[in-house]
PDB file of all heavy atoms in Angstrom:
ATOM      1  N   VAL A   1       2.939   6.348  -5.554  1.00  0.00           N
ATOM      2  CA  VAL A   1       2.175   5.186  -5.965  1.00  0.00           C
ATOM      3  C   VAL A   1       0.703   5.547  -5.915  1.00  0.00           C
ATOM      4  O   VAL A   1       0.264   6.314  -5.044  1.00  0.00           O
ATOM      5  CB  VAL A   1       2.486   3.957  -5.086  1.00  0.00           C
ATOM      6  CG1 VAL A   1       2.022   4.180  -3.644  1.00  0.00           C
ATOM      7  CG2 VAL A   1       1.860   2.702  -5.665  1.00  0.00           C
ATOM      8  N   TYR A   2      -0.058   5.004  -6.855  1.00  0.00           N
ATOM      9  CA  TYR A   2      -1.474   5.290  -6.964  1.00  0.00           C
ATOM     10  C   TYR A   2      -2.272   4.002  -6.861  1.00  0.00           C
ATOM     11  O   TYR A   2      -1.795   2.919  -7.170  1.00  0.00           O
ATOM     12  CB  TYR A   2      -1.799   5.966  -8.301  1.00  0.00           C
ATOM     13  CG  TYR A   2      -0.982   7.193  -8.596  1.00  0.00           C
ATOM     14  CD1 TYR A   2       0.185   7.110  -9.351  1.00  0.00           C
ATOM     15  CD2 TYR A   2      -1.366   8.441  -8.117  1.00  0.00           C
ATOM     16  CE1 TYR A   2       0.938   8.237  -9.624  1.00  0.00           C
ATOM     17  CE2 TYR A   2      -0.614   9.572  -8.388  1.00  0.00           C
ATOM     18  CZ  TYR A   2       0.536   9.465  -9.142  1.00  0.00           C
ATOM     19  OH  TYR A   2       1.280  10.586  -9.410  1.00  0.00           O
ATOM     20  N   LEU A   3      -3.492   4.156  -6.442  1.00  0.00           N
ATOM     21  CA  LEU A   3      -4.428   3.043  -6.440  1.00  0.00           C
ATOM     22  C   LEU A   3      -5.732   3.537  -7.045  1.00  0.00           C
ATOM     23  O   LEU A   3      -6.457   4.312  -6.415  1.00  0.00           O
ATOM     24  CB  LEU A   3      -4.671   2.502  -5.034  1.00  0.00           C
ATOM     25  CG  LEU A   3      -5.559   1.256  -4.962  1.00  0.00           C
ATOM     26  CD1 LEU A   3      -4.856   0.062  -5.611  1.00  0.00           C
ATOM     27  CD2 LEU A   3      -5.936   0.930  -3.519  1.00  0.00           C
ATOM     28  N   GLN A   4      -5.990   3.110  -8.265  1.00  0.00           N
ATOM     29  CA  GLN A   4      -7.240   3.436  -8.926  1.00  0.00           C
ATOM     30  C   GLN A   4      -8.262   2.389  -8.541  1.00  0.00           C
ATOM     31  O   GLN A   4      -8.072   1.204  -8.810  1.00  0.00           O
ATOM     32  CB  GLN A   4      -7.053   3.474 -10.442  1.00  0.00           C
ATOM     33  CG  GLN A   4      -8.321   3.777 -11.225  1.00  0.00           C
ATOM     34  CD  GLN A   4      -8.829   5.177 -10.986  1.00  0.00           C
ATOM     35  OE1 GLN A   4      -8.058   6.127 -11.004  1.00  0.00           O
ATOM     36  NE2 GLN A   4     -10.129   5.309 -10.761  1.00  0.00           N
ATOM     37  N   MET A   5      -9.336   2.817  -7.916  1.00  0.00           N
ATOM     38  CA  MET A   5     -10.360   1.917  -7.424  1.00  0.00           C
ATOM     39  C   MET A   5     -11.655   2.184  -8.179  1.00  0.00           C
ATOM     40  O   MET A   5     -12.239   3.264  -8.062  1.00  0.00           O
ATOM     41  CB  MET A   5     -10.572   2.095  -5.923  1.00  0.00           C
ATOM     42  CG  MET A   5      -9.293   1.940  -5.108  1.00  0.00           C
ATOM     43  SD  MET A   5      -9.586   1.986  -3.317  1.00  0.00           S
ATOM     44  CE  MET A   5     -10.161   3.675  -3.132  1.00  0.00           C
ATOM     45  N   ASN A   6     -12.086   1.200  -8.937  1.00  0.00           N
ATOM     46  CA  ASN A   6     -13.305   1.312  -9.716  1.00  0.00           C
ATOM     47  C   ASN A   6     -14.350   0.327  -9.211  1.00  0.00           C
ATOM     48  O   ASN A   6     -14.025  -0.678  -8.580  1.00  0.00           O
ATOM     49  CB  ASN A   6     -13.029   1.046 -11.197  1.00  0.00           C
ATOM     50  CG  ASN A   6     -12.104   2.058 -11.819  1.00  0.00           C
ATOM     51  OD1 ASN A   6     -12.106   3.231 -11.454  1.00  0.00           O
ATOM     52  ND2 ASN A   6     -11.302   1.603 -12.784  1.00  0.00           N
ATOM     53  N   ASN A   7     -15.601   0.635  -9.522  1.00  0.00           N
ATOM     54  CA  ASN A   7     -16.711  -0.226  -9.128  1.00  0.00           C
ATOM     55  C   ASN A   7     -16.632  -0.583  -7.650  1.00  0.00           C
ATOM     56  O   ASN A   7     -16.697  -1.753  -7.257  1.00  0.00           O
ATOM     57  CB  ASN A   7     -16.730  -1.491  -9.988  1.00  0.00           C
ATOM     58  CG  ASN A   7     -18.030  -2.257  -9.870  1.00  0.00           C
ATOM     59  OD1 ASN A   7     -19.071  -1.695  -9.530  1.00  0.00           O
ATOM     60  ND2 ASN A   7     -17.978  -3.556 -10.143  1.00  0.00           N
ATOM     61  N   LEU A   8     -16.506   0.432  -6.832  1.00  0.00           N
ATOM     62  CA  LEU A   8     -16.361   0.217  -5.396  1.00  0.00           C
ATOM     63  C   LEU A   8     -17.593  -0.436  -4.796  1.00  0.00           C
ATOM     64  O   LEU A   8     -18.727  -0.169  -5.208  1.00  0.00           O
ATOM     65  CB  LEU A   8     -16.073   1.537  -4.701  1.00  0.00           C
ATOM     66  CG  LEU A   8     -14.633   2.030  -4.850  1.00  0.00           C
ATOM     67  CD1 LEU A   8     -14.539   3.520  -4.581  1.00  0.00           C
ATOM     68  CD2 LEU A   8     -13.710   1.260  -3.911  1.00  0.00           C
ATOM     69  N   GLU A   9     -17.343  -1.286  -3.828  1.00  0.00           N
ATOM     70  CA  GLU A   9     -18.385  -2.009  -3.123  1.00  0.00           C
ATOM     71  C   GLU A   9     -18.344  -1.642  -1.647  1.00  0.00           C
ATOM     72  O   GLU A   9     -17.309  -1.209  -1.139  1.00  0.00           O
ATOM     73  CB  GLU A   9     -18.186  -3.519  -3.290  1.00  0.00           C
ATOM     74  CG  GLU A   9     -18.136  -3.981  -4.735  1.00  0.00           C
ATOM     75  CD  GLU A   9     -17.692  -5.425  -4.885  1.00  0.00           C
ATOM     76  OE1 GLU A   9     -17.275  -6.030  -3.875  1.00  0.00           O
ATOM     77  OE2 GLU A   9     -17.769  -5.943  -6.013  1.00  0.00           O
ATOM     78  N   PRO A  10     -19.460  -1.805  -0.938  1.00  0.00           N
ATOM     79  CA  PRO A  10     -19.442  -1.505   0.497  1.00  0.00           C
ATOM     80  C   PRO A  10     -18.349  -2.258   1.251  1.00  0.00           C
ATOM     81  O   PRO A  10     -17.809  -1.739   2.235  1.00  0.00           O
ATOM     82  CB  PRO A  10     -20.842  -1.930   0.956  1.00  0.00           C
ATOM     83  CG  PRO A  10     -21.694  -1.738  -0.252  1.00  0.00           C
ATOM     84  CD  PRO A  10     -20.816  -2.121  -1.420  1.00  0.00           C
ATOM     85  N   GLU A  11     -18.027  -3.452   0.801  1.00  0.00           N
ATOM     86  CA  GLU A  11     -16.982  -4.239   1.446  1.00  0.00           C
ATOM     87  C   GLU A  11     -15.598  -3.626   1.296  1.00  0.00           C
ATOM     88  O   GLU A  11     -14.660  -4.034   1.989  1.00  0.00           O
ATOM     89  CB  GLU A  11     -16.975  -5.666   0.887  1.00  0.00           C
ATOM     90  CG  GLU A  11     -18.210  -6.486   1.229  1.00  0.00           C
ATOM     91  CD  GLU A  11     -19.418  -6.129   0.373  1.00  0.00           C
ATOM     92  OE1 GLU A  11     -19.249  -5.444  -0.655  1.00  0.00           O
ATOM     93  OE2 GLU A  11     -20.539  -6.532   0.731  1.00  0.00           O
ATOM     94  N   ASP A  12     -15.448  -2.661   0.395  1.00  0.00           N
ATOM     95  CA  ASP A  12     -14.164  -2.000   0.204  1.00  0.00           C
ATOM     96  C   ASP A  12     -13.915  -0.895   1.221  1.00  0.00           C
ATOM     97  O   ASP A  12     -12.812  -0.352   1.273  1.00  0.00           O
ATOM     98  CB  ASP A  12     -14.073  -1.398  -1.201  1.00  0.00           C
ATOM     99  CG  ASP A  12     -14.106  -2.453  -2.295  1.00  0.00           C
ATOM    100  OD1 ASP A  12     -13.438  -3.494  -2.143  1.00  0.00           O
ATOM    101  OD2 ASP A  12     -14.793  -2.222  -3.312  1.00  0.00           O
ATOM    102  N   ALA A  13     -14.898  -0.539   1.990  1.00  0.00           N
ATOM    103  CA  ALA A  13     -14.765   0.567   2.933  1.00  0.00           C
ATOM    104  C   ALA A  13     -13.733   0.254   4.008  1.00  0.00           C
ATOM    105  O   ALA A  13     -13.569  -0.904   4.431  1.00  0.00           O
ATOM    106  CB  ALA A  13     -16.113   0.891   3.566  1.00  0.00           C
ATOM    107  N   GLY A  14     -13.053   1.276   4.460  1.00  0.00           N
ATOM    108  CA  GLY A  14     -12.059   1.119   5.496  1.00  0.00           C
ATOM    109  C   GLY A  14     -10.993   2.191   5.389  1.00  0.00           C
ATOM    110  O   GLY A  14     -11.087   3.096   4.563  1.00  0.00           O
ATOM    111  N   VAL A  15      -9.997   2.073   6.226  1.00  0.00           N
ATOM    112  CA  VAL A  15      -8.862   2.981   6.180  1.00  0.00           C
ATOM    113  C   VAL A  15      -7.774   2.336   5.334  1.00  0.00           C
ATOM    114  O   VAL A  15      -7.372   1.202   5.596  1.00  0.00           O
ATOM    115  CB  VAL A  15      -8.328   3.311   7.581  1.00  0.00           C
ATOM    116  CG1 VAL A  15      -7.126   4.237   7.494  1.00  0.00           C
ATOM    117  CG2 VAL A  15      -9.428   3.932   8.435  1.00  0.00           C
ATOM    118  N   TYR A  16      -7.325   3.062   4.341  1.00  0.00           N
ATOM    119  CA  TYR A  16      -6.298   2.563   3.434  1.00  0.00           C
ATOM    120  C   TYR A  16      -4.954   3.159   3.807  1.00  0.00           C
ATOM    121  O   TYR A  16      -4.807   4.375   3.934  1.00  0.00           O
ATOM    122  CB  TYR A  16      -6.659   2.906   1.989  1.00  0.00           C
ATOM    123  CG  TYR A  16      -7.731   2.013   1.412  1.00  0.00           C
ATOM    124  CD1 TYR A  16      -9.030   2.058   1.901  1.00  0.00           C
ATOM    125  CD2 TYR A  16      -7.433   1.113   0.395  1.00  0.00           C
ATOM    126  CE1 TYR A  16     -10.014   1.228   1.391  1.00  0.00           C
ATOM    127  CE2 TYR A  16      -8.410   0.282  -0.122  1.00  0.00           C
ATOM    128  CZ  TYR A  16      -9.694   0.342   0.375  1.00  0.00           C
ATOM    129  OH  TYR A  16     -10.671  -0.487  -0.140  1.00  0.00           O
ATOM    130  N   TYR A  17      -3.974   2.288   3.971  1.00  0.00           N
ATOM    131  CA  TYR A  17      -2.639   2.689   4.391  1.00  0.00           C
ATOM    132  C   TYR A  17      -1.626   2.401   3.294  1.00  0.00           C
ATOM    133  O   TYR A  17      -1.630   1.323   2.700  1.00  0.00           O
ATOM    134  CB  TYR A  17      -2.210   1.940   5.651  1.00  0.00           C
ATOM    135  CG  TYR A  17      -3.096   2.172   6.848  1.00  0.00           C
ATOM    136  CD1 TYR A  17      -4.180   1.338   7.107  1.00  0.00           C
ATOM    137  CD2 TYR A  17      -2.840   3.222   7.726  1.00  0.00           C
ATOM    138  CE1 TYR A  17      -4.992   1.550   8.201  1.00  0.00           C
ATOM    139  CE2 TYR A  17      -3.642   3.428   8.825  1.00  0.00           C
ATOM    140  CZ  TYR A  17      -4.720   2.597   9.060  1.00  0.00           C
ATOM    141  OH  TYR A  17      -5.521   2.793  10.151  1.00  0.00           O
ATOM    142  N   CYS A  18      -0.755   3.347   3.072  1.00  0.00           N
ATOM    143  CA  CYS A  18       0.347   3.170   2.149  1.00  0.00           C
ATOM    144  C   CYS A  18       1.543   2.599   2.889  1.00  0.00           C
ATOM    145  O   CYS A  18       1.814   2.977   4.035  1.00  0.00           O
ATOM    146  CB  CYS A  18       0.709   4.506   1.512  1.00  0.00           C
ATOM    147  SG  CYS A  18       2.068   4.435   0.329  1.00  0.00           S
ATOM    148  N   ASN A  19       2.242   1.690   2.254  1.00  0.00           N
ATOM    149  CA  ASN A  19       3.427   1.078   2.839  1.00  0.00           C
ATOM    150  C   ASN A  19       4.550   1.068   1.822  1.00  0.00           C
ATOM    151  O   ASN A  19       4.325   0.838   0.638  1.00  0.00           O
ATOM    152  CB  ASN A  19       3.125  -0.353   3.298  1.00  0.00           C
ATOM    153  CG  ASN A  19       4.368  -1.101   3.739  1.00  0.00           C
ATOM    154  OD1 ASN A  19       5.000  -1.804   2.955  1.00  0.00           O
ATOM    155  ND2 ASN A  19       4.725  -0.948   5.010  1.00  0.00           N
ATOM    156  N   ALA A  20       5.758   1.309   2.302  1.00  0.00           N
ATOM    157  CA  ALA A  20       6.931   1.241   1.448  1.00  0.00           C
ATOM    158  C   ALA A  20       8.035   0.497   2.167  1.00  0.00           C
ATOM    159  O   ALA A  20       8.291   0.742   3.347  1.00  0.00           O
ATOM    160  CB  ALA A  20       7.415   2.644   1.063  1.00  0.00           C
ATOM    161  N   GLU A  21       8.658  -0.422   1.463  1.00  0.00           N
ATOM    162  CA  GLU A  21       9.812  -1.142   1.987  1.00  0.00           C
ATOM    163  C   GLU A  21      11.054  -0.611   1.290  1.00  0.00           C
ATOM    164  O   GLU A  21      11.177  -0.718   0.072  1.00  0.00           O
ATOM    165  CB  GLU A  21       9.686  -2.643   1.755  1.00  0.00           C
ATOM    166  CG  GLU A  21      10.856  -3.433   2.302  1.00  0.00           C
ATOM    167  CD  GLU A  21      10.768  -4.907   1.973  1.00  0.00           C
ATOM    168  OE1 GLU A  21      10.018  -5.616   2.678  1.00  0.00           O
ATOM    169  OE2 GLU A  21      11.430  -5.333   1.014  1.00  0.00           O
ATOM    170  N   LEU A  22      11.953  -0.056   2.078  1.00  0.00           N
ATOM    171  CA  LEU A  22      13.180   0.515   1.545  1.00  0.00           C
ATOM    172  C   LEU A  22      14.355  -0.411   1.780  1.00  0.00           C
ATOM    173  O   LEU A  22      14.486  -1.025   2.844  1.00  0.00           O
ATOM    174  CB  LEU A  22      13.459   1.881   2.178  1.00  0.00           C
ATOM    175  CG  LEU A  22      12.812   3.084   1.488  1.00  0.00           C
ATOM    176  CD1 LEU A  22      11.290   3.012   1.575  1.00  0.00           C
ATOM    177  CD2 LEU A  22      13.320   4.385   2.081  1.00  0.00           C
ATOM    178  N   ASP A  23      15.219  -0.490   0.786  1.00  0.00           N
ATOM    179  CA  ASP A  23      16.393  -1.341   0.815  1.00  0.00           C
ATOM    180  C   ASP A  23      17.620  -0.463   1.044  1.00  0.00           C
ATOM    181  O   ASP A  23      17.965   0.356   0.188  1.00  0.00           O
ATOM    182  CB  ASP A  23      16.510  -2.113  -0.499  1.00  0.00           C
ATOM    183  CG  ASP A  23      17.659  -3.102  -0.522  1.00  0.00           C
ATOM    184  OD1 ASP A  23      18.455  -3.134   0.438  1.00  0.00           O
ATOM    185  OD2 ASP A  23      17.761  -3.860  -1.503  1.00  0.00           O
ATOM    186  N   TYR A  24      18.295  -0.669   2.180  1.00  0.00           N
ATOM    187  CA  TYR A  24      19.486   0.110   2.507  1.00  0.00           C
ATOM    188  C   TYR A  24      20.766  -0.667   2.312  1.00  0.00           C
ATOM    189  O   TYR A  24      21.828  -0.240   2.733  1.00  0.00           O
ATOM    190  CB  TYR A  24      19.390   0.646   3.938  1.00  0.00           C
ATOM    191  CG  TYR A  24      18.368   1.739   4.075  1.00  0.00           C
ATOM    192  CD1 TYR A  24      17.046   1.449   4.381  1.00  0.00           C
ATOM    193  CD2 TYR A  24      18.721   3.068   3.870  1.00  0.00           C
ATOM    194  CE1 TYR A  24      16.103   2.457   4.475  1.00  0.00           C
ATOM    195  CE2 TYR A  24      17.786   4.074   3.972  1.00  0.00           C
ATOM    196  CZ  TYR A  24      16.472   3.756   4.276  1.00  0.00           C
ATOM    197  OH  TYR A  24      15.537   4.761   4.386  1.00  0.00           O
ATOM    198  N   GLY A  25      20.655  -1.813   1.663  1.00  0.00           N
ATOM    199  CA  GLY A  25      21.826  -2.609   1.352  1.00  0.00           C
ATOM    200  C   GLY A  25      22.148  -3.636   2.416  1.00  0.00           C
ATOM    201  O   GLY A  25      21.759  -3.506   3.578  1.00  0.00           O
ATOM    202  N   LEU A  26      22.863  -4.668   1.998  1.00  0.00           N
ATOM    203  CA  LEU A  26      23.314  -5.737   2.897  1.00  0.00           C
ATOM    204  C   LEU A  26      22.163  -6.360   3.683  1.00  0.00           C
ATOM    205  O   LEU A  26      22.311  -6.687   4.868  1.00  0.00           O
ATOM    206  CB  LEU A  26      24.395  -5.213   3.846  1.00  0.00           C
ATOM    207  CG  LEU A  26      25.671  -4.692   3.184  1.00  0.00           C
ATOM    208  CD1 LEU A  26      26.619  -4.112   4.225  1.00  0.00           C
ATOM    209  CD2 LEU A  26      26.350  -5.802   2.384  1.00  0.00           C
ATOM    210  N   GLY A  27      21.046  -6.512   3.024  1.00  0.00           N
ATOM    211  CA  GLY A  27      19.920  -7.164   3.650  1.00  0.00           C
ATOM    212  C   GLY A  27      19.178  -6.347   4.683  1.00  0.00           C
ATOM    213  O   GLY A  27      18.383  -6.904   5.451  1.00  0.00           O
ATOM    214  N   LYS A  28      19.423  -5.053   4.724  1.00  0.00           N
ATOM    215  CA  LYS A  28      18.733  -4.199   5.682  1.00  0.00           C
ATOM    216  C   LYS A  28      17.517  -3.559   5.018  1.00  0.00           C
ATOM    217  O   LYS A  28      17.652  -2.791   4.067  1.00  0.00           O
ATOM    218  CB  LYS A  28      19.671  -3.117   6.223  1.00  0.00           C
ATOM    219  CG  LYS A  28      20.833  -3.676   7.032  1.00  0.00           C
ATOM    220  CD  LYS A  28      21.713  -2.564   7.578  1.00  0.00           C
ATOM    221  CE  LYS A  28      20.993  -1.739   8.624  1.00  0.00           C
ATOM    222  NZ  LYS A  28      20.712  -2.519   9.854  1.00  0.00           N
ATOM    223  N   PHE A  29      16.354  -3.893   5.535  1.00  0.00           N
ATOM    224  CA  PHE A  29      15.102  -3.397   5.002  1.00  0.00           C
ATOM    225  C   PHE A  29      14.329  -2.667   6.087  1.00  0.00           C
ATOM    226  O   PHE A  29      14.345  -3.062   7.255  1.00  0.00           O
ATOM    227  CB  PHE A  29      14.253  -4.544   4.454  1.00  0.00           C
ATOM    228  CG  PHE A  29      14.955  -5.367   3.420  1.00  0.00           C
ATOM    229  CD1 PHE A  29      15.558  -6.561   3.768  1.00  0.00           C
ATOM    230  CD2 PHE A  29      15.006  -4.949   2.103  1.00  0.00           C
ATOM    231  CE1 PHE A  29      16.203  -7.332   2.816  1.00  0.00           C
ATOM    232  CE2 PHE A  29      15.651  -5.713   1.144  1.00  0.00           C
ATOM    233  CZ  PHE A  29      16.257  -6.905   1.502  1.00  0.00           C
ATOM    234  N   PHE A  30      13.633  -1.638   5.697  1.00  0.00           N
ATOM    235  CA  PHE A  30      12.828  -0.863   6.628  1.00  0.00           C
ATOM    236  C   PHE A  30      11.472  -0.585   6.003  1.00  0.00           C
ATOM    237  O   PHE A  30      11.383  -0.213   4.829  1.00  0.00           O
ATOM    238  CB  PHE A  30      13.508   0.457   6.995  1.00  0.00           C
ATOM    239  CG  PHE A  30      14.803   0.288   7.722  1.00  0.00           C
ATOM    240  CD1 PHE A  30      15.988   0.159   7.028  1.00  0.00           C
ATOM    241  CD2 PHE A  30      14.833   0.257   9.108  1.00  0.00           C
ATOM    242  CE1 PHE A  30      17.194   0.000   7.688  1.00  0.00           C
ATOM    243  CE2 PHE A  30      16.027   0.102   9.790  1.00  0.00           C
ATOM    244  CZ  PHE A  30      17.212  -0.030   9.077  1.00  0.00           C
TER     245      PHE A  30
END
């Protein structure tokens, strides 16, 4: 997954974390 960030502002500064939710079936998510 990509995040194209244009016209960055000082308020955008910080640590950016990637998150993924995986589906293992029968309502089990991680």
